[in-house]
Amino acid sequence: KALQARLQKMDLRLEVAPAALAELAKVGFDPVFGARPLKRAIQQRIENPLSKLLLEGRYPPKSVIPVGVDPVRNPGVFEFGDALAMG
């Protein structure tokens, strides 16, 4: 929610594919700590790489940022697609 709010201030929206959500759930869950590690997983896998892309100017205002994961080609690695126009 905090990430979405920050992106909304920049006129951007994140669109996370179901496979990416499943991967986040997998890496963000620990049997001992439950979902506590989820916040760290979101920071490491989405927020940090996305910050670099935003600084590079890859996503102009009024863009949708697609986030996915390819379990065959690049398992566990989140991929950020090209900017899509907000509809």
Protein backbone atom coordinates (compact mmCIF):
# COMPACT_ATOMS: atom_id res chain seq x y z
CA LYS A 1 0.00 0.00 0.00
CA ALA A 2 2.79 2.44 0.85
CA LEU A 3 4.53 1.74 -2.45
CA GLN A 4 1.29 2.26 -4.38
CA ALA A 5 0.72 5.57 -2.57
CA ARG A 6 4.23 6.80 -3.41
CA LEU A 7 3.82 5.80 -7.04
CA GLN A 8 0.41 7.47 -7.21
CA LYS A 9 2.01 10.77 -6.15
CA MET A 10 4.28 10.41 -9.21
CA ASP A 11 1.26 9.59 -11.41
CA LEU A 12 2.39 5.97 -11.84
CA ARG A 13 0.66 2.65 -11.22
CA LEU A 14 2.13 -0.79 -10.59
CA GLU A 15 0.52 -3.79 -12.29
CA VAL A 16 1.81 -7.01 -10.73
CA ALA A 17 1.17 -10.25 -12.61
CA PRO A 18 -0.34 -13.20 -10.70
CA ALA A 19 2.90 -15.20 -11.10
CA ALA A 20 4.85 -12.34 -9.51
CA LEU A 21 2.39 -12.17 -6.61
CA ALA A 22 2.77 -15.93 -6.12
CA GLU A 23 6.57 -15.58 -6.10
CA LEU A 24 6.36 -12.76 -3.54
CA ALA A 25 4.13 -14.91 -1.35
CA LYS A 26 6.61 -17.77 -1.63
CA VAL A 27 9.73 -15.76 -0.76
CA GLY A 28 7.92 -13.55 1.75
CA PHE A 29 6.66 -16.32 3.99
CA ASP A 30 8.61 -18.04 6.73
CA PRO A 31 7.12 -20.89 8.83
CA VAL A 32 8.50 -19.32 12.02
CA PHE A 33 7.81 -15.65 11.32
CA GLY A 34 4.74 -15.99 9.10
CA ALA A 35 4.37 -13.13 6.63
CA ARG A 36 6.75 -10.76 8.45
CA PRO A 37 9.49 -11.22 5.81
CA LEU A 38 7.03 -10.11 3.10
CA LYS A 39 7.82 -6.42 3.57
CA ARG A 40 11.54 -7.09 3.11
CA ALA A 41 10.85 -9.25 0.05
CA ILE A 42 8.83 -6.43 -1.52
CA GLN A 43 11.65 -3.97 -0.78
CA GLN A 44 14.39 -6.20 -2.19
CA ARG A 45 12.55 -7.62 -5.19
CA ILE A 46 10.37 -4.69 -6.29
CA GLU A 47 11.08 -1.36 -4.57
CA ASN A 48 14.88 -1.32 -4.89
CA PRO A 49 15.09 -2.31 -8.59
CA LEU A 50 12.12 -0.07 -9.41
CA SER A 51 13.81 2.90 -7.71
CA LYS A 52 16.80 2.52 -10.03
CA LEU A 53 14.55 2.36 -13.08
CA LEU A 54 12.67 5.47 -11.96
CA LEU A 55 15.93 7.36 -11.48
CA GLU A 56 16.93 6.34 -15.01
CA GLY A 57 13.70 7.91 -16.26
CA ARG A 58 12.31 4.68 -17.69
CA TYR A 59 8.73 5.41 -16.63
CA PRO A 60 7.21 8.80 -17.48
CA PRO A 61 4.19 10.17 -15.57
CA LYS A 62 0.83 8.56 -16.35
CA SER A 63 2.47 5.16 -16.89
CA VAL A 64 1.52 1.69 -15.79
CA ILE A 65 4.55 -0.35 -14.72
CA PRO A 66 4.08 -4.06 -15.45
CA VAL A 67 5.87 -6.43 -13.06
CA GLY A 68 6.23 -10.10 -13.80
CA VAL A 69 8.39 -13.12 -13.21
CA ASP A 70 9.40 -15.87 -15.64
CA PRO A 71 9.83 -19.06 -13.59
CA VAL A 72 11.37 -20.93 -16.55
CA ARG A 73 13.79 -18.39 -18.00
CA ASN A 74 14.68 -16.49 -14.82
CA PRO A 75 13.20 -18.09 -11.69
CA GLY A 76 12.83 -15.75 -8.73
CA VAL A 77 13.84 -12.65 -10.70
CA PHE A 78 11.25 -9.92 -11.05
CA GLU A 79 11.03 -8.28 -14.46
CA PHE A 80 9.78 -4.77 -15.15
CA GLY A 81 8.14 -4.33 -18.53
CA ASP A 82 7.96 -1.32 -20.78
CA ALA A 83 5.77 1.58 -19.68
CA LEU A 84 2.11 1.29 -20.62
CA ALA A 85 -0.22 4.24 -20.96
CA MET A 86 -2.70 4.67 -18.12
CA GLY A 87 -6.21 4.09 -19.34
